Amino acid sequence: MTRIFTLVSIIAVFMVLLAGGGIYWLAISEIEQSKKESTRWRGERHCPGHQQ
């Protein structure tokens, strides 16, 4: 019984860590994408000859 509980606990911990890592990875990639879009937009807005 102890082995089953240990195995289930290890699997549950692994799943939580995997889900947390996935959320972290998604958040970081979303932030990086947002920074790239912001930099691109700022560059287009301030380029010489650009009419507003």
PDB file of N, CA and C in Angstrom:
ATOM      1  N   MET A   1       0.820  -1.187   0.000  1.00  0.00           N
ATOM      2  CA  MET A   1       0.000   0.000   0.000  1.00  0.00           C
ATOM      3  C   MET A   1       0.869   1.258   0.000  1.00  0.00           C
ATOM      4  N   THR A   2       1.952   1.216   0.728  1.00  0.00           N
ATOM      5  CA  THR A   2       2.846   2.379   0.800  1.00  0.00           C
ATOM      6  C   THR A   2       3.490   2.643  -0.551  1.00  0.00           C
ATOM      7  N   ARG A   3       3.847   1.575  -1.255  1.00  0.00           N
ATOM      8  CA  ARG A   3       4.469   1.743  -2.574  1.00  0.00           C
ATOM      9  C   ARG A   3       3.492   2.372  -3.564  1.00  0.00           C
ATOM     10  N   ILE A   4       2.243   1.963  -3.520  1.00  0.00           N
ATOM     11  CA  ILE A   4       1.241   2.522  -4.428  1.00  0.00           C
ATOM     12  C   ILE A   4       1.063   4.015  -4.143  1.00  0.00           C
ATOM     13  N   PHE A   5       0.945   4.359  -2.853  1.00  0.00           N
ATOM     14  CA  PHE A   5       0.789   5.757  -2.476  1.00  0.00           C
ATOM     15  C   PHE A   5       2.010   6.573  -2.901  1.00  0.00           C
ATOM     16  N   THR A   6       3.189   6.030  -2.721  1.00  0.00           N
ATOM     17  CA  THR A   6       4.419   6.716  -3.121  1.00  0.00           C
ATOM     18  C   THR A   6       4.451   6.935  -4.627  1.00  0.00           C
ATOM     19  N   LEU A   7       4.105   5.925  -5.390  1.00  0.00           N
ATOM     20  CA  LEU A   7       4.089   6.029  -6.839  1.00  0.00           C
ATOM     21  C   LEU A   7       3.068   7.066  -7.313  1.00  0.00           C
ATOM     22  N   VAL A   8       1.882   7.040  -6.744  1.00  0.00           N
ATOM     23  CA  VAL A   8       0.844   8.009  -7.113  1.00  0.00           C
ATOM     24  C   VAL A   8       1.281   9.416  -6.731  1.00  0.00           C
ATOM     25  N   SER A   9       1.916   9.564  -5.586  1.00  0.00           N
ATOM     26  CA  SER A   9       2.403  10.882  -5.152  1.00  0.00           C
ATOM     27  C   SER A   9       3.487  11.407  -6.081  1.00  0.00           C
ATOM     28  N   ILE A  10       4.397  10.558  -6.478  1.00  0.00           N
ATOM     29  CA  ILE A  10       5.468  10.964  -7.395  1.00  0.00           C
ATOM     30  C   ILE A  10       4.886  11.389  -8.740  1.00  0.00           C
ATOM     31  N   ILE A  11       3.937  10.638  -9.239  1.00  0.00           N
ATOM     32  CA  ILE A  11       3.294  10.983 -10.508  1.00  0.00           C
ATOM     33  C   ILE A  11       2.549  12.311 -10.385  1.00  0.00           C
ATOM     34  N   ALA A  12       1.847  12.517  -9.268  1.00  0.00           N
ATOM     35  CA  ALA A  12       1.107  13.770  -9.071  1.00  0.00           C
ATOM     36  C   ALA A  12       2.062  14.962  -9.000  1.00  0.00           C
ATOM     37  N   VAL A  13       3.159  14.818  -8.282  1.00  0.00           N
ATOM     38  CA  VAL A  13       4.142  15.901  -8.189  1.00  0.00           C
ATOM     39  C   VAL A  13       4.725  16.196  -9.561  1.00  0.00           C
ATOM     40  N   PHE A  14       5.053  15.164 -10.311  1.00  0.00           N
ATOM     41  CA  PHE A  14       5.591  15.358 -11.658  1.00  0.00           C
ATOM     42  C   PHE A  14       4.592  16.094 -12.547  1.00  0.00           C
ATOM     43  N   MET A  15       3.311  15.739 -12.453  1.00  0.00           N
ATOM     44  CA  MET A  15       2.295  16.404 -13.268  1.00  0.00           C
ATOM     45  C   MET A  15       2.152  17.879 -12.889  1.00  0.00           C
ATOM     46  N   VAL A  16       2.215  18.177 -11.595  1.00  0.00           N
ATOM     47  CA  VAL A  16       2.121  19.570 -11.147  1.00  0.00           C
ATOM     48  C   VAL A  16       3.324  20.363 -11.647  1.00  0.00           C
ATOM     49  N   LEU A  17       4.512  19.798 -11.537  1.00  0.00           N
ATOM     50  CA  LEU A  17       5.713  20.482 -12.022  1.00  0.00           C
ATOM     51  C   LEU A  17       5.669  20.681 -13.529  1.00  0.00           C
ATOM     52  N   LEU A  18       5.192  19.704 -14.253  1.00  0.00           N
ATOM     53  CA  LEU A  18       5.080  19.807 -15.701  1.00  0.00           C
ATOM     54  C   LEU A  18       4.075  20.896 -16.094  1.00  0.00           C
ATOM     55  N   ALA A  19       2.947  20.928 -15.424  1.00  0.00           N
ATOM     56  CA  ALA A  19       1.936  21.956 -15.717  1.00  0.00           C
ATOM     57  C   ALA A  19       2.477  23.348 -15.375  1.00  0.00           C
ATOM     58  N   GLY A  20       3.142  23.478 -14.251  1.00  0.00           N
ATOM     59  CA  GLY A  20       3.727  24.762 -13.864  1.00  0.00           C
ATOM     60  C   GLY A  20       4.779  25.222 -14.844  1.00  0.00           C
ATOM     61  N   GLY A  21       5.618  24.310 -15.292  1.00  0.00           N
ATOM     62  CA  GLY A  21       6.635  24.650 -16.289  1.00  0.00           C
ATOM     63  C   GLY A  21       6.017  25.067 -17.605  1.00  0.00           C
ATOM     64  N   GLY A  22       4.938  24.408 -17.984  1.00  0.00           N
ATOM     65  CA  GLY A  22       4.256  24.769 -19.227  1.00  0.00           C
ATOM     66  C   GLY A  22       3.631  26.149 -19.160  1.00  0.00           C
ATOM     67  N   ILE A  23       3.017  26.470 -18.032  1.00  0.00           N
ATOM     68  CA  ILE A  23       2.425  27.800 -17.854  1.00  0.00           C
ATOM     69  C   ILE A  23       3.518  28.862 -17.867  1.00  0.00           C
ATOM     70  N   TYR A  24       4.619  28.583 -17.189  1.00  0.00           N
ATOM     71  CA  TYR A  24       5.742  29.527 -17.164  1.00  0.00           C
ATOM     72  C   TYR A  24       6.272  29.757 -18.577  1.00  0.00           C
ATOM     73  N   TRP A  25       6.436  28.689 -19.347  1.00  0.00           N
ATOM     74  CA  TRP A  25       6.960  28.796 -20.712  1.00  0.00           C
ATOM     75  C   TRP A  25       6.005  29.609 -21.597  1.00  0.00           C
ATOM     76  N   LEU A  26       4.711  29.351 -21.465  1.00  0.00           N
ATOM     77  CA  LEU A  26       3.732  30.109 -22.244  1.00  0.00           C
ATOM     78  C   LEU A  26       3.753  31.590 -21.877  1.00  0.00           C
ATOM     79  N   ALA A  27       3.855  31.887 -20.596  1.00  0.00           N
ATOM     80  CA  ALA A  27       3.874  33.281 -20.159  1.00  0.00           C
ATOM     81  C   ALA A  27       5.122  33.999 -20.674  1.00  0.00           C
ATOM     82  N   ILE A  28       6.268  33.358 -20.582  1.00  0.00           N
ATOM     83  CA  ILE A  28       7.518  33.973 -21.046  1.00  0.00           C
ATOM     84  C   ILE A  28       7.465  34.207 -22.553  1.00  0.00           C
ATOM     85  N   SER A  29       6.966  33.245 -23.316  1.00  0.00           N
ATOM     86  CA  SER A  29       6.909  33.431 -24.770  1.00  0.00           C
ATOM     87  C   SER A  29       5.906  34.531 -25.135  1.00  0.00           C
ATOM     88  N   GLU A  30       4.826  34.662 -24.380  1.00  0.00           N
ATOM     89  CA  GLU A  30       3.850  35.731 -24.635  1.00  0.00           C
ATOM     90  C   GLU A  30       4.471  37.101 -24.332  1.00  0.00           C
ATOM     91  N   ILE A  31       5.232  37.196 -23.272  1.00  0.00           N
ATOM     92  CA  ILE A  31       5.903  38.457 -22.926  1.00  0.00           C
ATOM     93  C   ILE A  31       6.921  38.828 -23.999  1.00  0.00           C
ATOM     94  N   GLU A  32       7.702  37.858 -24.453  1.00  0.00           N
ATOM     95  CA  GLU A  32       8.694  38.127 -25.498  1.00  0.00           C
ATOM     96  C   GLU A  32       8.020  38.588 -26.794  1.00  0.00           C
ATOM     97  N   GLN A  33       6.921  37.951 -27.152  1.00  0.00           N
ATOM     98  CA  GLN A  33       6.189  38.333 -28.360  1.00  0.00           C
ATOM     99  C   GLN A  33       5.650  39.752 -28.225  1.00  0.00           C
ATOM    100  N   SER A  34       5.149  40.082 -27.051  1.00  0.00           N
ATOM    101  CA  SER A  34       4.629  41.417 -26.805  1.00  0.00           C
ATOM    102  C   SER A  34       5.735  42.468 -26.914  1.00  0.00           C
ATOM    103  N   LYS A  35       6.914  42.151 -26.400  1.00  0.00           N
ATOM    104  CA  LYS A  35       8.046  43.082 -26.497  1.00  0.00           C
ATOM    105  C   LYS A  35       8.436  43.304 -27.957  1.00  0.00           C
ATOM    106  N   LYS A  36       8.456  42.233 -28.740  1.00  0.00           N
ATOM    107  CA  LYS A  36       8.812  42.354 -30.159  1.00  0.00           C
ATOM    108  C   LYS A  36       7.798  43.218 -30.902  1.00  0.00           C
ATOM    109  N   GLU A  37       6.511  42.992 -30.639  1.00  0.00           N
ATOM    110  CA  GLU A  37       5.474  43.779 -31.302  1.00  0.00           C
ATOM    111  C   GLU A  37       5.543  45.240 -30.884  1.00  0.00           C
ATOM    112  N   SER A  38       5.829  45.485 -29.617  1.00  0.00           N
ATOM    113  CA  SER A  38       5.938  46.857 -29.121  1.00  0.00           C
ATOM    114  C   SER A  38       7.113  47.566 -29.775  1.00  0.00           C
ATOM    115  N   THR A  39       8.238  46.891 -29.894  1.00  0.00           N
ATOM    116  CA  THR A  39       9.420  47.481 -30.518  1.00  0.00           C
ATOM    117  C   THR A  39       9.159  47.759 -31.995  1.00  0.00           C
ATOM    118  N   ARG A  40       8.508  46.847 -32.686  1.00  0.00           N
ATOM    119  CA  ARG A  40       8.195  47.037 -34.098  1.00  0.00           C
ATOM    120  C   ARG A  40       7.251  48.218 -34.278  1.00  0.00           C
ATOM    121  N   TRP A  41       6.210  48.303 -33.438  1.00  0.00           N
ATOM    122  CA  TRP A  41       5.248  49.391 -33.540  1.00  0.00           C
ATOM    123  C   TRP A  41       5.926  50.727 -33.264  1.00  0.00           C
ATOM    124  N   ARG A  42       6.792  50.768 -32.269  1.00  0.00           N
ATOM    125  CA  ARG A  42       7.483  52.002 -31.930  1.00  0.00           C
ATOM    126  C   ARG A  42       8.386  52.441 -33.070  1.00  0.00           C
ATOM    127  N   GLY A  43       9.041  51.494 -33.727  1.00  0.00           N
ATOM    128  CA  GLY A  43       9.913  51.810 -34.852  1.00  0.00           C
ATOM    129  C   GLY A  43       9.137  52.347 -36.040  1.00  0.00           C
ATOM    130  N   GLU A  44       7.979  51.797 -36.325  1.00  0.00           N
ATOM    131  CA  GLU A  44       7.167  52.271 -37.448  1.00  0.00           C
ATOM    132  C   GLU A  44       6.617  53.664 -37.174  1.00  0.00           C
ATOM    133  N   ARG A  45       6.286  53.927 -35.935  1.00  0.00           N
ATOM    134  CA  ARG A  45       5.676  55.204 -35.600  1.00  0.00           C
ATOM    135  C   ARG A  45       6.683  56.352 -35.687  1.00  0.00           C
ATOM    136  N   HIS A  46       7.925  56.091 -35.353  1.00  0.00           N
ATOM    137  CA  HIS A  46       8.923  57.146 -35.284  1.00  0.00           C
ATOM    138  C   HIS A  46       9.833  57.215 -36.516  1.00  0.00           C
ATOM    139  N   CYS A  47       9.552  56.487 -37.544  1.00  0.00           N
ATOM    140  CA  CYS A  47      10.444  56.530 -38.703  1.00  0.00           C
ATOM    141  C   CYS A  47      10.235  57.825 -39.469  1.00  0.00           C
ATOM    142  N   PRO A  48      11.298  58.380 -40.013  1.00  0.00           N
ATOM    143  CA  PRO A  48      11.179  59.631 -40.762  1.00  0.00           C
ATOM    144  C   PRO A  48      10.297  59.454 -41.997  1.00  0.00           C
ATOM    145  N   GLY A  49       9.518  60.456 -42.315  1.00  0.00           N
ATOM    146  CA  GLY A  49       8.677  60.401 -43.483  1.00  0.00           C
ATOM    147  C   GLY A  49       7.340  59.738 -43.254  1.00  0.00           C
ATOM    148  N   HIS A  50       7.135  59.250 -42.059  1.00  0.00           N
ATOM    149  CA  HIS A  50       5.876  58.584 -41.745  1.00  0.00           C
ATOM    150  C   HIS A  50       4.837  59.637 -41.401  1.00  0.00           C
ATOM    151  N   GLN A  51       3.726  59.619 -42.094  1.00  0.00           N
ATOM    152  CA  GLN A  51       2.677  60.607 -41.845  1.00  0.00           C
ATOM    153  C   GLN A  51       1.629  60.015 -40.932  1.00  0.00           C
ATOM    154  N   GLN A  52       1.164  60.844 -40.007  1.00  0.00           N
ATOM    155  CA  GLN A  52       0.153  60.378 -39.070  1.00  0.00           C
ATOM    156  C   GLN A  52      -1.186  60.980 -39.380  1.00  0.00           C
TER     157      GLN A  52
END
